Amino acid sequence: MNTLSEEYAALVLLVDDQAMIGEAIRRALANQPDISFHYCASATEALATAQQIAPTVILQDLVMPGVDGLTLVRTYRAHPQTRDVPIIVLSSKEEAAVKSEAFAAGANDYLVKLPDKVELLARVRHHSRAYLNQRQRDAAYRALRESQQQLMVLNLELQRLNRIDGLTGLSNRRYMDEVIASEWARAVREQSWFSVLMIDIDDFKRYNDTYGHIVGDEALKHVARTLESWLRRPADLAARFGGEEFTAILPVTPPEGAAMVGEEIRAAIEALRIEHSGSTVGSHLTVSVGAASIMPQRDEHHMRLIEGADHALYIAKRSGKNRLVMADDAAQSQPPTRTNTTR
């Protein structure tokens, strides 16, 4: 669109096959600093001209050779670039039926030609101002919608970051607590099994002392990725509990399923063959796993499940590390036996 200096500058496109009418309209609009004028004598070129110059008002002759004026009005309205541009129909007839048909086709106004100069200027300025105001409002609404969408994306990203452990990319402790509480309530309602694994890297302080904290952070990332890869169901959740300790949340999972997943994770981390010369159980990085399963009742708290898995982890550490212990076994403080039952 032409850049005009006035706040409500109008760009008028006159479409009329009579050069005499074109000259008369041009003179009526001449010397108006806020109005620019463009003339098109061919009905077949009207739409292309309107697309090119982007008028703020179209003055459209009602009767033209080749293309009917009302057909042109409908054509403007059907095209995205001109559908909202105000159209003032120029007609030689002052008839209600003709006016009604023009408005039905999409015209905004109706003038009998040649219109009075004062009236023509007033109509052109009024419609142009309304159109430009509407465009400004539409642009403001679009900008607002874009800002709202960007804000929504940023809020979603912030929510995601608030749930994520920055180092490992797993869920953090706070989000883990939320998920456990939610899944516990669901397990109470549905009377389904609910299992938790507590996983701790063996002799990790020795690992950091031997290889340094930067290498230690890389080891934590390897363990996190391996843990997450073995939790295949959408409801399962891997989280960093703190330090070198991780948690696996396993809804709708009975004891045998928890034992199987825990053992798979333990074996997979051992199979990474990450060198650990300071380990007290071998020459590679290993983990100990404590598992607890329960079918919760309404008067029970989910901390019972966490405490059970944590105690089982303690027994796994005390029993020699690099092993899985189930909470039922831990309650008897007996060294655990590996289980190969299916989940």
C-alpha atoms as a PDB file:
ATOM      1  CA  MET A   1       0.000   0.000   0.000  1.00  0.00           C
ATOM      2  CA  ASN A   2       1.192   3.545  -0.731  1.00  0.00           C
ATOM      3  CA  THR A   3       2.741   5.288   2.237  1.00  0.00           C
ATOM      4  CA  LEU A   4       0.736   8.433   2.959  1.00  0.00           C
ATOM      5  CA  SER A   5       1.683  11.051   5.510  1.00  0.00           C
ATOM      6  CA  GLU A   6      -1.747  11.861   6.899  1.00  0.00           C
ATOM      7  CA  GLU A   7      -3.134   9.862   9.825  1.00  0.00           C
ATOM      8  CA  TYR A   8      -6.318   8.990   7.933  1.00  0.00           C
ATOM      9  CA  ALA A   9      -4.984   9.270   4.370  1.00  0.00           C
ATOM     10  CA  ALA A  10      -7.305   7.807   1.763  1.00  0.00           C
ATOM     11  CA  LEU A  11      -6.347   6.060  -1.463  1.00  0.00           C
ATOM     12  CA  VAL A  12      -9.322   6.123  -3.819  1.00  0.00           C
ATOM     13  CA  LEU A  13      -9.694   3.754  -6.765  1.00  0.00           C
ATOM     14  CA  LEU A  14     -12.360   4.798  -9.278  1.00  0.00           C
ATOM     15  CA  VAL A  15     -13.527   2.072 -11.662  1.00  0.00           C
ATOM     16  CA  ASP A  16     -15.602   3.625 -14.448  1.00  0.00           C
ATOM     17  CA  ASP A  17     -15.468   3.239 -18.208  1.00  0.00           C
ATOM     18  CA  GLN A  18     -16.366   6.892 -18.842  1.00  0.00           C
ATOM     19  CA  ALA A  19     -13.288   9.108 -18.947  1.00  0.00           C
ATOM     20  CA  MET A  20     -15.478  12.154 -18.356  1.00  0.00           C
ATOM     21  CA  ILE A  21     -16.647  10.736 -15.026  1.00  0.00           C
ATOM     22  CA  GLY A  22     -13.091   9.845 -14.148  1.00  0.00           C
ATOM     23  CA  GLU A  23     -11.944  13.405 -14.774  1.00  0.00           C
ATOM     24  CA  ALA A  24     -14.817  14.865 -12.787  1.00  0.00           C
ATOM     25  CA  ILE A  25     -14.079  12.680  -9.766  1.00  0.00           C
ATOM     26  CA  ARG A  26     -10.385  13.454 -10.045  1.00  0.00           C
ATOM     27  CA  ARG A  27     -11.101  17.194  -9.939  1.00  0.00           C
ATOM     28  CA  ALA A  28     -13.451  16.778  -6.992  1.00  0.00           C
ATOM     29  CA  LEU A  29     -10.725  15.020  -5.039  1.00  0.00           C
ATOM     30  CA  ALA A  30      -7.868  17.223  -6.259  1.00  0.00           C
ATOM     31  CA  ASN A  31      -5.924  19.414  -3.858  1.00  0.00           C
ATOM     32  CA  GLN A  32      -6.952  17.255  -0.899  1.00  0.00           C
ATOM     33  CA  PRO A  33      -3.689  16.475   0.955  1.00  0.00           C
ATOM     34  CA  ASP A  34      -5.194  13.441   2.685  1.00  0.00           C
ATOM     35  CA  ILE A  35      -6.602  11.817  -0.484  1.00  0.00           C
ATOM     36  CA  SER A  36      -4.775  10.094  -3.343  1.00  0.00           C
ATOM     37  CA  PHE A  37      -6.625   9.153  -6.526  1.00  0.00           C
ATOM     38  CA  HIS A  38      -6.243   6.308  -9.028  1.00  0.00           C
ATOM     39  CA  TYR A  39      -8.413   5.722 -12.073  1.00  0.00           C
ATOM     40  CA  CYS A  40      -9.191   2.423 -13.838  1.00  0.00           C
ATOM     41  CA  ALA A  41     -11.313   2.486 -16.991  1.00  0.00           C
ATOM     42  CA  SER A  42     -11.400  -1.277 -17.627  1.00  0.00           C
ATOM     43  CA  ALA A  43     -13.691  -3.547 -15.645  1.00  0.00           C
ATOM     44  CA  THR A  44     -11.516  -6.564 -16.509  1.00  0.00           C
ATOM     45  CA  GLU A  45      -8.500  -4.874 -14.933  1.00  0.00           C
ATOM     46  CA  ALA A  46     -10.288  -3.608 -11.821  1.00  0.00           C
ATOM     47  CA  LEU A  47      -9.468  -6.467  -9.460  1.00  0.00           C
ATOM     48  CA  ALA A  48      -5.804  -6.640 -10.502  1.00  0.00           C
ATOM     49  CA  THR A  49      -5.501  -2.877 -10.082  1.00  0.00           C
ATOM     50  CA  ALA A  50      -7.083  -3.015  -6.645  1.00  0.00           C
ATOM     51  CA  GLN A  51      -4.681  -5.780  -5.598  1.00  0.00           C
ATOM     52  CA  GLN A  52      -1.729  -3.743  -6.832  1.00  0.00           C
ATOM     53  CA  ILE A  53      -2.502  -0.366  -5.254  1.00  0.00           C
ATOM     54  CA  ALA A  54      -4.455  -1.521  -2.151  1.00  0.00           C
ATOM     55  CA  PRO A  55      -7.069   1.265  -2.028  1.00  0.00           C
ATOM     56  CA  THR A  56      -8.830   2.353   1.139  1.00  0.00           C
ATOM     57  CA  VAL A  57     -12.016   3.109  -0.853  1.00  0.00           C
ATOM     58  CA  ILE A  58     -13.315   1.821  -4.207  1.00  0.00           C
ATOM     59  CA  LEU A  59     -15.703   3.956  -6.240  1.00  0.00           C
ATOM     60  CA  GLN A  60     -17.404   1.457  -8.531  1.00  0.00           C
ATOM     61  CA  ASP A  61     -19.600   2.300 -11.515  1.00  0.00           C
ATOM     62  CA  LEU A  62     -22.717   0.180 -11.523  1.00  0.00           C
ATOM     63  CA  VAL A  63     -23.031  -0.240 -15.300  1.00  0.00           C
ATOM     64  CA  MET A  64     -19.908  -1.130 -17.297  1.00  0.00           C
ATOM     65  CA  PRO A  65     -19.301  -2.944 -20.600  1.00  0.00           C
ATOM     66  CA  GLY A  66     -18.034  -6.490 -20.329  1.00  0.00           C
ATOM     67  CA  VAL A  67     -18.507  -6.964 -16.604  1.00  0.00           C
ATOM     68  CA  ASP A  68     -21.529  -5.916 -14.598  1.00  0.00           C
ATOM     69  CA  GLY A  69     -20.709  -3.547 -11.738  1.00  0.00           C
ATOM     70  CA  LEU A  70     -22.436  -5.697  -9.135  1.00  0.00           C
ATOM     71  CA  THR A  71     -20.485  -8.707 -10.367  1.00  0.00           C
ATOM     72  CA  LEU A  72     -17.313  -6.730  -9.704  1.00  0.00           C
ATOM     73  CA  VAL A  73     -18.535  -5.895  -6.218  1.00  0.00           C
ATOM     74  CA  ARG A  74     -19.029  -9.595  -5.524  1.00  0.00           C
ATOM     75  CA  THR A  75     -15.598 -10.317  -7.017  1.00  0.00           C
ATOM     76  CA  TYR A  76     -13.962  -7.826  -4.649  1.00  0.00           C
ATOM     77  CA  ARG A  77     -15.740  -9.397  -1.717  1.00  0.00           C
ATOM     78  CA  ALA A  78     -14.635 -12.885  -2.735  1.00  0.00           C
ATOM     79  CA  HIS A  79     -10.940 -11.974  -2.825  1.00  0.00           C
ATOM     80  CA  PRO A  80      -8.873 -11.854   0.425  1.00  0.00           C
ATOM     81  CA  GLN A  81      -7.092  -8.610  -0.488  1.00  0.00           C
ATOM     82  CA  THR A  82     -10.252  -6.648  -1.280  1.00  0.00           C
ATOM     83  CA  ARG A  83     -13.012  -8.328   0.705  1.00  0.00           C
ATOM     84  CA  ASP A  84     -12.986  -5.652   3.431  1.00  0.00           C
ATOM     85  CA  VAL A  85     -12.249  -2.567   1.312  1.00  0.00           C
ATOM     86  CA  PRO A  86     -15.205  -0.125   1.426  1.00  0.00           C
ATOM     87  CA  ILE A  87     -17.066   0.067  -1.891  1.00  0.00           C
ATOM     88  CA  ILE A  88     -19.138   3.079  -2.872  1.00  0.00           C
ATOM     89  CA  VAL A  89     -21.360   2.272  -5.842  1.00  0.00           C
ATOM     90  CA  LEU A  90     -21.870   5.058  -8.385  1.00  0.00           C
ATOM     91  CA  SER A  91     -25.113   4.870 -10.309  1.00  0.00           C
ATOM     92  CA  SER A  92     -27.182   7.126 -12.516  1.00  0.00           C
ATOM     93  CA  LYS A  93     -30.351   5.749 -10.934  1.00  0.00           C
ATOM     94  CA  GLU A  94     -31.906   6.731  -7.622  1.00  0.00           C
ATOM     95  CA  GLU A  95     -34.006   3.608  -7.224  1.00  0.00           C
ATOM     96  CA  ALA A  96     -34.624   1.659  -4.011  1.00  0.00           C
ATOM     97  CA  ALA A  97     -34.503  -1.725  -5.777  1.00  0.00           C
ATOM     98  CA  VAL A  98     -31.128  -0.920  -7.351  1.00  0.00           C
ATOM     99  CA  LYS A  99     -29.767   0.309  -4.037  1.00  0.00           C
ATOM    100  CA  SER A 100     -31.003  -2.834  -2.292  1.00  0.00           C
ATOM    101  CA  GLU A 101     -29.329  -5.059  -4.857  1.00  0.00           C
ATOM    102  CA  ALA A 102     -26.066  -3.123  -4.526  1.00  0.00           C
ATOM    103  CA  PHE A 103     -26.024  -3.467  -0.749  1.00  0.00           C
ATOM    104  CA  ALA A 104     -26.916  -7.152  -1.028  1.00  0.00           C
ATOM    105  CA  ALA A 105     -23.919  -7.648  -3.331  1.00  0.00           C
ATOM    106  CA  GLY A 106     -21.606  -6.162  -0.699  1.00  0.00           C
ATOM    107  CA  ALA A 107     -21.496  -2.417  -1.328  1.00  0.00           C
ATOM    108  CA  ASN A 108     -20.967  -0.135   1.669  1.00  0.00           C
ATOM    109  CA  ASP A 109     -22.535   2.991   0.200  1.00  0.00           C
ATOM    110  CA  TYR A 110     -24.461   4.288  -2.785  1.00  0.00           C
ATOM    111  CA  LEU A 111     -24.102   7.607  -4.582  1.00  0.00           C
ATOM    112  CA  VAL A 112     -25.901   8.962  -7.635  1.00  0.00           C
ATOM    113  CA  LYS A 113     -23.368  10.381 -10.046  1.00  0.00           C
ATOM    114  CA  LEU A 114     -22.126  12.907 -10.268  1.00  0.00           C
ATOM    115  CA  PRO A 115     -22.229  13.379  -6.500  1.00  0.00           C
ATOM    116  CA  ASP A 116     -21.819  16.709  -4.768  1.00  0.00           C
ATOM    117  CA  LYS A 117     -18.150  17.390  -4.001  1.00  0.00           C
ATOM    118  CA  VAL A 118     -18.719  18.006  -0.299  1.00  0.00           C
ATOM    119  CA  GLU A 119     -20.748  14.811   0.037  1.00  0.00           C
ATOM    120  CA  LEU A 120     -18.229  12.802  -1.990  1.00  0.00           C
ATOM    121  CA  LEU A 121     -15.323  14.001   0.168  1.00  0.00           C
ATOM    122  CA  ALA A 122     -17.254  13.269   3.353  1.00  0.00           C
ATOM    123  CA  ARG A 123     -18.192   9.739   2.237  1.00  0.00           C
ATOM    124  CA  VAL A 124     -14.667   8.932   1.040  1.00  0.00           C
ATOM    125  CA  ARG A 125     -13.079  10.156   4.281  1.00  0.00           C
ATOM    126  CA  HIS A 126     -15.664   8.401   6.448  1.00  0.00           C
ATOM    127  CA  HIS A 127     -15.301   4.996   4.796  1.00  0.00           C
ATOM    128  CA  SER A 128     -11.521   5.269   4.494  1.00  0.00           C
ATOM    129  CA  ARG A 129     -11.170   6.212   8.140  1.00  0.00           C
ATOM    130  CA  ALA A 130     -13.405   3.343   9.240  1.00  0.00           C
ATOM    131  CA  TYR A 131     -11.462   0.895   7.068  1.00  0.00           C
ATOM    132  CA  LEU A 132      -8.053   2.024   8.322  1.00  0.00           C
ATOM    133  CA  ASN A 133      -9.285   1.933  11.927  1.00  0.00           C
ATOM    134  CA  GLN A 134     -10.540  -1.595  11.394  1.00  0.00           C
ATOM    135  CA  ARG A 135      -7.197  -2.619   9.914  1.00  0.00           C
ATOM    136  CA  GLN A 136      -5.415  -1.147  12.923  1.00  0.00           C
ATOM    137  CA  ARG A 137      -7.728  -3.026  15.280  1.00  0.00           C
ATOM    138  CA  ASP A 138      -7.247  -6.243  13.318  1.00  0.00           C
ATOM    139  CA  ALA A 139      -3.466  -5.776  13.434  1.00  0.00           C
ATOM    140  CA  ALA A 140      -3.648  -5.106  17.170  1.00  0.00           C
ATOM    141  CA  TYR A 141      -5.797  -8.207  17.713  1.00  0.00           C
ATOM    142  CA  ARG A 142      -3.401 -10.309  15.655  1.00  0.00           C
ATOM    143  CA  ALA A 143      -0.460  -8.976  17.638  1.00  0.00           C
ATOM    144  CA  LEU A 144      -2.342  -9.686  20.856  1.00  0.00           C
ATOM    145  CA  ARG A 145      -3.166 -13.235  19.756  1.00  0.00           C
ATOM    146  CA  GLU A 146       0.434 -13.821  18.750  1.00  0.00           C
ATOM    147  CA  SER A 147       1.615 -12.468  22.097  1.00  0.00           C
ATOM    148  CA  GLN A 148      -0.873 -14.688  23.921  1.00  0.00           C
ATOM    149  CA  GLN A 149       0.255 -17.722  21.935  1.00  0.00           C
ATOM    150  CA  GLN A 150       3.904 -16.907  22.615  1.00  0.00           C
ATOM    151  CA  LEU A 151       3.103 -16.435  26.295  1.00  0.00           C
ATOM    152  CA  MET A 152       1.295 -19.759  26.349  1.00  0.00           C
ATOM    153  CA  VAL A 153       4.293 -21.473  24.745  1.00  0.00           C
ATOM    154  CA  LEU A 154       6.630 -19.807  27.236  1.00  0.00           C
ATOM    155  CA  ASN A 155       4.394 -20.803  30.141  1.00  0.00           C
ATOM    156  CA  LEU A 156       4.293 -24.401  28.928  1.00  0.00           C
ATOM    157  CA  GLU A 157       8.071 -24.380  28.582  1.00  0.00           C
ATOM    158  CA  LEU A 158       8.405 -22.872  32.056  1.00  0.00           C
ATOM    159  CA  GLN A 159       6.121 -25.570  33.449  1.00  0.00           C
ATOM    160  CA  ARG A 160       8.220 -28.201  31.706  1.00  0.00           C
ATOM    161  CA  LEU A 161      11.450 -26.730  33.051  1.00  0.00           C
ATOM    162  CA  ASN A 162       9.967 -26.596  36.540  1.00  0.00           C
ATOM    163  CA  ARG A 163       9.388 -30.344  36.302  1.00  0.00           C
ATOM    164  CA  ILE A 164      12.774 -31.267  34.859  1.00  0.00           C
ATOM    165  CA  ASP A 165      16.103 -31.961  36.521  1.00  0.00           C
ATOM    166  CA  GLY A 166      18.561 -29.655  34.787  1.00  0.00           C
ATOM    167  CA  LEU A 167      21.448 -32.112  34.630  1.00  0.00           C
ATOM    168  CA  THR A 168      19.843 -35.405  33.640  1.00  0.00           C
ATOM    169  CA  GLY A 169      16.683 -34.266  31.864  1.00  0.00           C
ATOM    170  CA  LEU A 170      14.584 -36.600  34.010  1.00  0.00           C
ATOM    171  CA  SER A 171      11.675 -35.405  36.110  1.00  0.00           C
ATOM    172  CA  ASN A 172      12.748 -33.661  39.293  1.00  0.00           C
ATOM    173  CA  ARG A 173      11.838 -34.513  42.883  1.00  0.00           C
ATOM    174  CA  ARG A 174       8.962 -32.023  43.080  1.00  0.00           C
ATOM    175  CA  TYR A 175       7.230 -33.353  39.990  1.00  0.00           C
ATOM    176  CA  MET A 176       7.874 -36.919  41.114  1.00  0.00           C
ATOM    177  CA  ASP A 177       6.043 -36.171  44.381  1.00  0.00           C
ATOM    178  CA  GLU A 178       3.076 -34.794  42.418  1.00  0.00           C
ATOM    179  CA  VAL A 179       2.919 -37.869  40.181  1.00  0.00           C
ATOM    180  CA  ILE A 180       3.178 -40.283  43.102  1.00  0.00           C
ATOM    181  CA  ALA A 181       0.351 -38.526  44.935  1.00  0.00           C
ATOM    182  CA  SER A 182      -1.836 -38.568  41.824  1.00  0.00           C
ATOM    183  CA  GLU A 183      -1.105 -42.189  40.927  1.00  0.00           C
ATOM    184  CA  TRP A 184      -1.549 -43.248  44.549  1.00  0.00           C
ATOM    185  CA  ALA A 185      -5.051 -41.736  44.569  1.00  0.00           C
ATOM    186  CA  ARG A 186      -5.853 -43.538  41.318  1.00  0.00           C
ATOM    187  CA  ALA A 187      -4.549 -46.842  42.695  1.00  0.00           C
ATOM    188  CA  VAL A 188      -6.756 -46.386  45.768  1.00  0.00           C
ATOM    189  CA  ARG A 189      -9.815 -45.787  43.576  1.00  0.00           C
ATOM    190  CA  GLU A 190      -9.093 -48.680  41.228  1.00  0.00           C
ATOM    191  CA  GLN A 191      -7.545 -50.973  43.830  1.00  0.00           C
ATOM    192  CA  SER A 192      -4.563 -51.646  41.577  1.00  0.00           C
ATOM    193  CA  TRP A 193      -0.940 -52.428  42.349  1.00  0.00           C
ATOM    194  CA  PHE A 194       1.481 -49.530  42.570  1.00  0.00           C
ATOM    195  CA  SER A 195       5.261 -49.991  42.563  1.00  0.00           C
ATOM    196  CA  VAL A 196       8.309 -47.782  43.081  1.00  0.00           C
ATOM    197  CA  LEU A 197      12.008 -48.405  42.479  1.00  0.00           C
ATOM    198  CA  MET A 198      14.747 -46.549  44.327  1.00  0.00           C
ATOM    199  CA  ILE A 199      18.038 -46.728  42.420  1.00  0.00           C
ATOM    200  CA  ASP A 200      21.383 -45.563  43.753  1.00  0.00           C
ATOM    201  CA  ILE A 201      24.775 -45.578  42.034  1.00  0.00           C
ATOM    202  CA  ASP A 202      27.227 -47.677  43.991  1.00  0.00           C
ATOM    203  CA  ASP A 203      30.294 -45.944  45.429  1.00  0.00           C
ATOM    204  CA  PHE A 204      29.561 -42.719  43.554  1.00  0.00           C
ATOM    205  CA  LYS A 205      31.576 -40.548  45.907  1.00  0.00           C
ATOM    206  CA  ARG A 206      34.593 -42.706  45.093  1.00  0.00           C
ATOM    207  CA  TYR A 207      33.772 -42.267  41.400  1.00  0.00           C
ATOM    208  CA  ASN A 208      33.771 -38.476  41.696  1.00  0.00           C
ATOM    209  CA  ASP A 209      36.936 -38.536  43.767  1.00  0.00           C
ATOM    210  CA  THR A 210      38.647 -40.687  41.130  1.00  0.00           C
ATOM    211  CA  TYR A 211      37.437 -39.109  37.889  1.00  0.00           C
ATOM    212  CA  GLY A 212      36.202 -35.658  38.892  1.00  0.00           C
ATOM    213  CA  HIS A 213      32.749 -34.104  39.055  1.00  0.00           C
ATOM    214  CA  ILE A 214      32.523 -33.330  35.332  1.00  0.00           C
ATOM    215  CA  VAL A 215      32.981 -36.999  34.466  1.00  0.00           C
ATOM    216  CA  GLY A 216      30.660 -37.809  37.339  1.00  0.00           C
ATOM    217  CA  ASP A 217      27.943 -35.654  35.794  1.00  0.00           C
ATOM    218  CA  GLU A 218      28.336 -37.541  32.515  1.00  0.00           C
ATOM    219  CA  ALA A 219      27.937 -40.821  34.378  1.00  0.00           C
ATOM    220  CA  LEU A 220      24.710 -39.524  35.948  1.00  0.00           C
ATOM    221  CA  LYS A 221      23.413 -38.674  32.470  1.00  0.00           C
ATOM    222  CA  HIS A 222      24.241 -42.180  31.174  1.00  0.00           C
ATOM    223  CA  VAL A 223      22.426 -43.779  34.094  1.00  0.00           C
ATOM    224  CA  ALA A 224      19.430 -41.453  33.605  1.00  0.00           C
ATOM    225  CA  ARG A 225      19.123 -42.284  29.905  1.00  0.00           C
ATOM    226  CA  THR A 226      19.368 -45.996  30.604  1.00  0.00           C
ATOM    227  CA  LEU A 227      16.756 -45.804  33.341  1.00  0.00           C
ATOM    228  CA  GLU A 228      14.355 -43.889  31.128  1.00  0.00           C
ATOM    229  CA  SER A 229      14.846 -46.308  28.216  1.00  0.00           C
ATOM    230  CA  TRP A 230      13.548 -49.212  30.302  1.00  0.00           C
ATOM    231  CA  LEU A 231      10.322 -47.456  31.299  1.00  0.00           C
ATOM    232  CA  ARG A 232       8.252 -48.153  28.220  1.00  0.00           C
ATOM    233  CA  ARG A 233       4.701 -47.377  29.313  1.00  0.00           C
ATOM    234  CA  PRO A 234       3.297 -43.817  29.138  1.00  0.00           C
ATOM    235  CA  ALA A 235       2.322 -43.843  32.825  1.00  0.00           C
ATOM    236  CA  ASP A 236       5.803 -44.861  34.013  1.00  0.00           C
ATOM    237  CA  LEU A 237       8.028 -42.059  35.249  1.00  0.00           C
ATOM    238  CA  ALA A 238      11.792 -41.788  35.746  1.00  0.00           C
ATOM    239  CA  ALA A 239      12.974 -39.099  38.154  1.00  0.00           C
ATOM    240  CA  ARG A 240      16.138 -37.919  39.842  1.00  0.00           C
ATOM    241  CA  PHE A 241      15.501 -38.247  43.545  1.00  0.00           C
ATOM    242  CA  GLY A 242      18.644 -36.355  44.491  1.00  0.00           C
ATOM    243  CA  GLY A 243      22.418 -36.641  44.087  1.00  0.00           C
ATOM    244  CA  GLU A 244      23.184 -40.053  42.608  1.00  0.00           C
ATOM    245  CA  GLU A 245      19.788 -41.506  43.531  1.00  0.00           C
ATOM    246  CA  PHE A 246      16.957 -42.074  41.048  1.00  0.00           C
ATOM    247  CA  THR A 247      13.340 -43.201  41.241  1.00  0.00           C
ATOM    248  CA  ALA A 248      11.122 -45.164  38.876  1.00  0.00           C
ATOM    249  CA  ILE A 249       7.359 -44.793  39.328  1.00  0.00           C
ATOM    250  CA  LEU A 250       5.457 -47.842  38.054  1.00  0.00           C
ATOM    251  CA  PRO A 251       1.669 -47.517  38.293  1.00  0.00           C
ATOM    252  CA  VAL A 252      -0.492 -50.628  37.842  1.00  0.00           C
ATOM    253  CA  THR A 253       2.569 -52.821  38.394  1.00  0.00           C
ATOM    254  CA  PRO A 254       2.559 -55.850  40.765  1.00  0.00           C
ATOM    255  CA  PRO A 255       5.632 -56.990  42.753  1.00  0.00           C
ATOM    256  CA  GLU A 256       6.824 -59.424  40.099  1.00  0.00           C
ATOM    257  CA  GLY A 257       6.670 -56.683  37.458  1.00  0.00           C
ATOM    258  CA  ALA A 258       8.601 -54.264  39.656  1.00  0.00           C
ATOM    259  CA  ALA A 259      11.236 -56.933  40.297  1.00  0.00           C
ATOM    260  CA  MET A 260      11.633 -57.625  36.592  1.00  0.00           C
ATOM    261  CA  VAL A 261      11.974 -53.946  35.626  1.00  0.00           C
ATOM    262  CA  GLY A 262      14.352 -53.260  38.503  1.00  0.00           C
ATOM    263  CA  GLU A 263      16.584 -56.146  37.508  1.00  0.00           C
ATOM    264  CA  GLU A 264      16.535 -55.090  33.843  1.00  0.00           C
ATOM    265  CA  ILE A 265      17.625 -51.589  34.800  1.00  0.00           C
ATOM    266  CA  ARG A 266      20.360 -52.870  37.111  1.00  0.00           C
ATOM    267  CA  ALA A 267      21.725 -55.206  34.441  1.00  0.00           C
ATOM    268  CA  ALA A 268      21.504 -52.552  31.699  1.00  0.00           C
ATOM    269  CA  ILE A 269      23.524 -50.044  33.728  1.00  0.00           C
ATOM    270  CA  GLU A 270      26.132 -52.665  34.536  1.00  0.00           C
ATOM    271  CA  ALA A 271      26.260 -53.481  30.806  1.00  0.00           C
ATOM    272  CA  LEU A 272      27.259 -49.872  30.047  1.00  0.00           C
ATOM    273  CA  ARG A 273      30.738 -50.924  31.208  1.00  0.00           C
ATOM    274  CA  ILE A 274      31.546 -47.483  32.573  1.00  0.00           C
ATOM    275  CA  GLU A 275      34.959 -47.814  34.184  1.00  0.00           C
ATOM    276  CA  HIS A 276      34.955 -47.380  37.976  1.00  0.00           C
ATOM    277  CA  SER A 277      38.307 -48.266  39.465  1.00  0.00           C
ATOM    278  CA  GLY A 278      37.173 -47.083  42.901  1.00  0.00           C
ATOM    279  CA  SER A 279      34.209 -49.455  43.087  1.00  0.00           C
ATOM    280  CA  THR A 280      34.052 -51.904  45.967  1.00  0.00           C
ATOM    281  CA  VAL A 281      32.046 -54.414  43.902  1.00  0.00           C
ATOM    282  CA  GLY A 282      33.958 -54.608  40.646  1.00  0.00           C
ATOM    283  CA  SER A 283      35.690 -52.483  38.035  1.00  0.00           C
ATOM    284  CA  HIS A 284      32.625 -50.865  36.437  1.00  0.00           C
ATOM    285  CA  LEU A 285      29.833 -48.569  37.482  1.00  0.00           C
ATOM    286  CA  THR A 286      26.864 -50.382  39.051  1.00  0.00           C
ATOM    287  CA  VAL A 287      23.657 -49.553  40.874  1.00  0.00           C
ATOM    288  CA  SER A 288      21.676 -50.994  43.756  1.00  0.00           C
ATOM    289  CA  VAL A 289      17.886 -51.144  43.487  1.00  0.00           C
ATOM    290  CA  GLY A 290      15.198 -51.208  46.156  1.00  0.00           C
ATOM    291  CA  ALA A 291      11.669 -52.071  45.047  1.00  0.00           C
ATOM    292  CA  ALA A 292       8.352 -51.791  46.850  1.00  0.00           C
ATOM    293  CA  SER A 293       4.850 -52.709  45.703  1.00  0.00           C
ATOM    294  CA  ILE A 294       1.511 -52.168  47.369  1.00  0.00           C
ATOM    295  CA  MET A 295      -2.183 -52.145  46.657  1.00  0.00           C
ATOM    296  CA  PRO A 296      -2.972 -48.993  48.650  1.00  0.00           C
ATOM    297  CA  GLN A 297      -5.947 -48.498  50.963  1.00  0.00           C
ATOM    298  CA  ARG A 298      -7.745 -45.254  51.693  1.00  0.00           C
ATOM    299  CA  ASP A 299      -6.226 -44.790  55.136  1.00  0.00           C
ATOM    300  CA  GLU A 300      -2.633 -45.248  53.877  1.00  0.00           C
ATOM    301  CA  HIS A 301      -0.177 -42.564  52.749  1.00  0.00           C
ATOM    302  CA  HIS A 302       2.029 -42.869  49.680  1.00  0.00           C
ATOM    303  CA  MET A 303       5.130 -42.236  51.810  1.00  0.00           C
ATOM    304  CA  ARG A 304       4.749 -45.811  52.994  1.00  0.00           C
ATOM    305  CA  LEU A 305       5.646 -46.967  49.486  1.00  0.00           C
ATOM    306  CA  ILE A 306       8.665 -44.647  49.239  1.00  0.00           C
ATOM    307  CA  GLU A 307       9.909 -45.680  52.653  1.00  0.00           C
ATOM    308  CA  GLY A 308       9.538 -49.348  51.729  1.00  0.00           C
ATOM    309  CA  ALA A 309      11.597 -48.941  48.553  1.00  0.00           C
ATOM    310  CA  ASP A 310      14.162 -46.809  50.386  1.00  0.00           C
ATOM    311  CA  HIS A 311      14.578 -49.453  53.092  1.00  0.00           C
ATOM    312  CA  ALA A 312      14.943 -52.144  50.427  1.00  0.00           C
ATOM    313  CA  LEU A 313      17.661 -50.017  48.800  1.00  0.00           C
ATOM    314  CA  TYR A 314      19.443 -49.756  52.155  1.00  0.00           C
ATOM    315  CA  ILE A 315      19.391 -53.552  52.497  1.00  0.00           C
ATOM    316  CA  ALA A 316      20.677 -53.921  48.907  1.00  0.00           C
ATOM    317  CA  LYS A 317      23.616 -51.664  49.781  1.00  0.00           C
ATOM    318  CA  ARG A 318      24.292 -53.491  53.042  1.00  0.00           C
ATOM    319  CA  SER A 319      24.037 -56.868  51.314  1.00  0.00           C
ATOM    320  CA  GLY A 320      26.830 -56.180  48.845  1.00  0.00           C
ATOM    321  CA  LYS A 321      25.519 -53.625  46.315  1.00  0.00           C
ATOM    322  CA  ASN A 322      24.876 -54.179  42.583  1.00  0.00           C
ATOM    323  CA  ARG A 323      21.652 -56.030  43.306  1.00  0.00           C
ATOM    324  CA  LEU A 324      17.875 -55.740  43.553  1.00  0.00           C
ATOM    325  CA  VAL A 325      16.037 -56.148  46.844  1.00  0.00           C
ATOM    326  CA  MET A 326      12.259 -56.274  47.192  1.00  0.00           C
ATOM    327  CA  ALA A 327      10.647 -54.559  50.157  1.00  0.00           C
ATOM    328  CA  ASP A 328       9.145 -57.821  51.445  1.00  0.00           C
ATOM    329  CA  ASP A 329      12.601 -59.338  51.529  1.00  0.00           C
ATOM    330  CA  ALA A 330      14.032 -56.206  53.115  1.00  0.00           C
ATOM    331  CA  ALA A 331      11.442 -56.355  55.883  1.00  0.00           C
ATOM    332  CA  GLN A 332      13.004 -59.647  56.947  1.00  0.00           C
ATOM    333  CA  SER A 333      16.510 -58.143  56.507  1.00  0.00           C
ATOM    334  CA  GLN A 334      17.556 -61.168  54.480  1.00  0.00           C
ATOM    335  CA  PRO A 335      19.896 -60.978  51.456  1.00  0.00           C
ATOM    336  CA  PRO A 336      17.657 -60.900  48.373  1.00  0.00           C
ATOM    337  CA  THR A 337      17.443 -63.383  45.568  1.00  0.00           C
ATOM    338  CA  ARG A 338      17.182 -62.263  41.944  1.00  0.00           C
ATOM    339  CA  THR A 339      13.795 -62.692  40.296  1.00  0.00           C
ATOM    340  CA  ASN A 340      13.137 -63.382  36.635  1.00  0.00           C
ATOM    341  CA  THR A 341       9.354 -63.181  36.783  1.00  0.00           C
ATOM    342  CA  THR A 342       7.544 -61.260  34.094  1.00  0.00           C
ATOM    343  CA  ARG A 343       5.944 -57.886  34.575  1.00  0.00           C
END
